[in-house]
Protein backbone atom coordinates (compact mmCIF):
# COMPACT_ATOMS: atom_id res chain seq x y z
CA MET A 1 0.33 -0.09 -0.27
CA ALA A 2 1.33 3.50 -0.80
CA ASN A 3 1.92 5.94 1.64
CA VAL A 4 -0.04 9.26 1.80
CA ASP A 5 1.51 12.24 0.02
CA LYS A 6 0.78 14.89 2.76
CA ALA A 7 3.50 17.13 4.06
CA PHE A 8 3.58 18.61 7.43
CA GLY A 9 7.24 19.82 8.32
CA LEU A 10 8.57 18.39 11.37
CA ARG A 11 6.65 17.44 13.95
CA PRO A 12 7.97 16.64 17.80
CA VAL A 13 7.90 13.18 19.02
CA GLY A 14 10.25 12.54 21.53
CA ASN A 15 13.43 13.34 22.83
CA LEU A 16 16.88 11.53 22.89
CA THR A 17 17.12 12.02 27.35
CA GLY A 18 13.74 11.50 28.17
CA ARG A 19 12.52 14.26 28.31
CA VAL A 20 8.63 15.13 27.65
CA SER A 21 8.83 16.25 23.97
CA GLY A 22 8.13 19.51 22.48
CA GLY A 23 9.71 21.90 24.91
CA GLN A 24 9.82 25.69 23.04
CA TYR A 25 11.52 28.72 23.91
CA GLY A 26 10.29 32.67 22.96
CA TYR A 27 12.34 34.06 20.23
CA GLN A 28 11.77 37.34 18.23
CA ILE A 29 10.39 38.06 14.39
CA ALA A 30 11.89 41.32 13.32
CA ASP A 31 9.25 43.67 12.69
CA ASN A 32 7.80 43.76 8.99
CA GLN A 33 10.25 40.38 8.26
CA SER A 34 9.10 39.36 4.70
CA GLY A 35 8.48 35.72 4.15
CA ALA A 36 6.02 33.71 6.04
CA ILE A 37 6.79 30.97 8.34
CA PHE A 38 5.00 27.76 9.14
CA GLN A 39 4.33 25.49 11.69
CA GLY A 40 6.77 22.81 11.14
CA ASP A 41 9.28 24.87 9.39
CA LEU A 42 13.35 24.51 10.27
CA VAL A 43 14.26 28.09 11.59
CA THR A 44 17.65 29.67 12.03
CA ILE A 45 18.65 32.91 13.88
CA TYR A 46 20.13 35.67 11.58
CA ASP A 47 21.03 39.47 12.69
CA GLY A 48 19.13 38.11 16.16
CA TYR A 49 16.16 37.38 14.54
CA VAL A 50 14.22 34.08 13.62
CA ILE A 51 14.12 33.06 9.89
CA LYS A 52 13.27 30.54 7.74
CA TYR A 53 15.87 27.95 7.76
CA ASP A 54 17.42 26.89 4.08
CA PRO A 55 20.22 24.43 3.70
CA ALA A 56 21.99 26.26 0.83
CA SER A 57 21.82 29.36 2.30
CA HIS A 58 22.55 28.53 6.58
CA ALA A 59 24.73 26.54 8.35
CA THR A 60 22.88 25.86 11.14
CA ALA A 61 18.96 25.64 12.68
CA VAL A 62 18.11 26.22 15.88
CA GLY A 63 14.65 24.59 16.44
CA VAL A 64 11.17 24.46 14.82
CA PHE A 65 8.49 26.74 14.54
CA ASN A 66 5.58 26.41 16.67
CA GLY A 67 3.83 29.61 16.41
CA CYS A 68 3.76 33.48 16.85
CA PHE A 69 2.23 36.08 19.30
CA TYR A 70 1.73 39.66 18.04
CA ILE A 71 -0.30 42.53 18.68
CA ASP A 72 -2.36 42.96 15.28
CA PRO A 73 -1.44 46.47 13.45
CA THR A 74 -4.45 46.35 12.08
CA SER A 75 -7.35 45.43 14.54
CA GLY A 76 -4.69 46.38 17.48
CA LYS A 77 -6.19 43.03 19.27
CA PRO A 78 -3.46 40.12 20.38
CA THR A 79 -2.69 37.61 17.92
CA TYR A 80 -1.83 34.13 18.05
CA LYS A 81 -0.81 32.33 15.21
CA ASN A 82 0.68 28.71 14.31
CA TYR A 83 2.07 30.75 11.30
CA TYR A 84 3.66 33.97 10.68
CA PRO A 85 2.35 35.29 7.09
CA GLY A 86 5.43 37.77 6.59
CA SER A 87 5.21 41.33 6.61
CA VAL A 88 3.59 41.93 9.60
CA ASN A 89 4.32 45.66 10.19
CA ILE A 90 4.09 45.58 14.08
CA THR A 91 2.97 49.01 16.13
CA ALA A 92 3.46 47.77 19.51
CA GLY A 93 5.67 45.53 21.33
CA THR A 94 7.66 42.53 19.39
CA ILE A 95 6.84 39.59 17.36
CA GLN A 96 7.05 36.29 19.63
CA ALA A 97 8.24 33.00 17.85
CA ASP A 98 7.42 29.87 20.05
CA VAL A 99 10.72 27.49 18.45
CA ILE A 100 10.98 24.13 19.56
CA ASP A 101 14.60 24.04 20.20
CA ASP A 102 16.16 21.38 22.29
CA PRO A 103 19.37 20.23 20.21
CA ASN A 104 18.48 16.75 21.32
CA GLN A 105 14.34 16.68 20.08
CA LEU A 106 13.36 14.53 17.85
CA PHE A 107 10.77 15.24 15.23
CA VAL A 108 9.00 12.81 12.59
CA VAL A 109 8.84 14.21 8.92
CA GLN A 110 7.99 13.04 5.88
CA ALA A 111 10.40 11.86 3.09
CA ASP A 112 9.51 13.27 -0.63
CA ASP A 113 10.71 10.14 -2.03
CA SER A 114 11.79 6.21 -0.72
CA VAL A 115 14.03 6.08 2.63
CA THR A 116 15.39 2.33 3.14
CA GLN A 117 16.53 0.81 6.00
CA ALA A 118 19.70 1.23 4.44
CA ASN A 119 19.21 5.28 5.09
CA ILE A 120 19.00 4.82 8.61
CA GLY A 121 21.60 6.42 10.89
CA LYS A 122 22.64 8.98 7.40
CA ASN A 123 21.75 12.73 7.10
CA ALA A 124 19.88 14.70 4.55
CA ASP A 125 18.58 18.25 3.82
CA ASN A 126 15.21 19.40 4.11
CA THR A 127 13.19 20.81 1.31
CA THR A 128 11.90 24.53 1.52
CA THR A 129 8.88 24.11 0.07
CA ALA A 130 5.98 26.19 1.19
CA GLY A 131 3.56 25.81 3.94
CA SER A 132 -0.71 26.24 3.99
CA THR A 133 -1.58 29.88 4.55
CA VAL A 134 -5.19 28.15 5.14
CA THR A 135 -4.26 25.46 8.32
CA GLY A 136 -0.51 27.18 8.65
CA VAL A 137 1.33 24.06 8.39
CA SER A 138 4.73 23.60 6.86
CA GLY A 139 5.18 21.83 3.23
CA GLU A 140 8.91 21.01 4.10
CA GLU A 141 9.66 17.49 3.80
CA LEU A 142 13.17 15.65 4.22
CA ASP A 143 14.65 15.81 0.89
CA ALA A 144 15.65 11.82 -0.07
CA SER A 145 17.67 12.57 -2.77
CA SER A 146 19.84 14.10 -0.85
CA ILE A 147 20.37 11.24 1.92
CA ALA A 148 24.37 10.80 2.29
CA LYS A 149 27.05 10.09 5.36
CA THR A 150 27.94 13.80 4.89
CA ALA A 151 28.09 15.88 8.34
CA ALA A 152 27.03 19.11 7.21
CA LEU A 153 23.46 18.19 6.20
CA THR A 154 20.51 19.50 8.07
CA LEU A 155 18.76 15.95 9.64
CA LYS A 156 20.19 12.99 10.88
CA ILE A 157 17.61 10.12 9.75
CA VAL A 158 17.27 8.29 13.58
CA GLY A 159 14.25 5.38 12.40
CA VAL A 160 10.82 5.14 10.71
CA GLU A 161 7.60 6.25 12.65
CA ALA A 162 5.97 3.31 13.92
CA VAL A 163 2.27 3.77 12.56
CA PRO A 164 0.11 0.86 10.44
CA GLY A 165 0.67 1.89 6.57
CA ASN A 166 3.50 3.57 7.00
CA ASP A 167 5.59 1.77 4.47
CA LEU A 168 10.24 2.05 4.60
CA GLY A 169 11.19 1.68 1.29
CA SER A 170 8.00 3.74 -0.77
CA ALA A 171 8.08 7.13 -1.53
CA ASN A 172 6.48 9.51 1.24
CA VAL A 173 7.26 7.45 3.78
CA ASP A 174 7.26 9.21 7.66
CA VAL A 175 10.85 9.07 9.47
CA ILE A 176 11.84 9.92 12.73
CA VAL A 177 14.89 12.24 12.41
CA LYS A 178 16.89 14.65 14.75
CA ILE A 179 18.27 18.31 13.75
CA ASN A 180 22.10 17.26 13.03
CA GLN A 181 23.21 20.77 12.27
CA HIS A 182 22.07 22.23 15.23
CA MET A 183 22.94 26.19 16.19
CA TYR A 184 23.02 24.55 20.27
CA GLY A 185 24.68 21.32 19.40
CA ASN A 186 28.34 20.67 19.19
CA VAL A 187 30.69 23.36 18.78
CA THR A 188 29.15 25.88 15.97
CA ALA A 189 30.03 29.44 14.26
CA GLY A 190 26.93 30.75 16.24
CA GLU A 191 24.21 32.17 13.61
CA GLY A 192 22.52 29.72 11.56
CA ALA A 193 23.38 32.33 8.48
């Protein structure tokens, strides 16, 4: 049976230390920053602010975006969204971003093609596909064509999600990953850009 092709970005599922998964910390998004960031997108820090992570442009990720809070500049009302729509020109306060940033956090992510048992333990990059402005959920996936033993790749494949109908070896399999190039893991150069 074929796996369902429905990307959802990275979703927390556990932690290598045995702690409760999904712990998050507050960061800031720059006022009027362009470009949407969706729930489940990998993010990094650039010039002190959270931006969407792109493996072609950034060295390390700080974690996974899980929503944001700001005072809506039009209505003046406190607003929580599971995605940042981009170009929010705030007039009061700051744009607070919730980021799941524990370097030991495990995530489930859909691969854009097949992953085999031989790929467990290898690394891969993520795709930077846009998410949905209707659901606020990410469209990012694990880029199966990038799977290799290369240390500089973004994600480490830890295993396959053990749920019925998730077929390892078929396209769009859901795999368990850890952020391999994490800003708070080992020694890094600092900000991710």
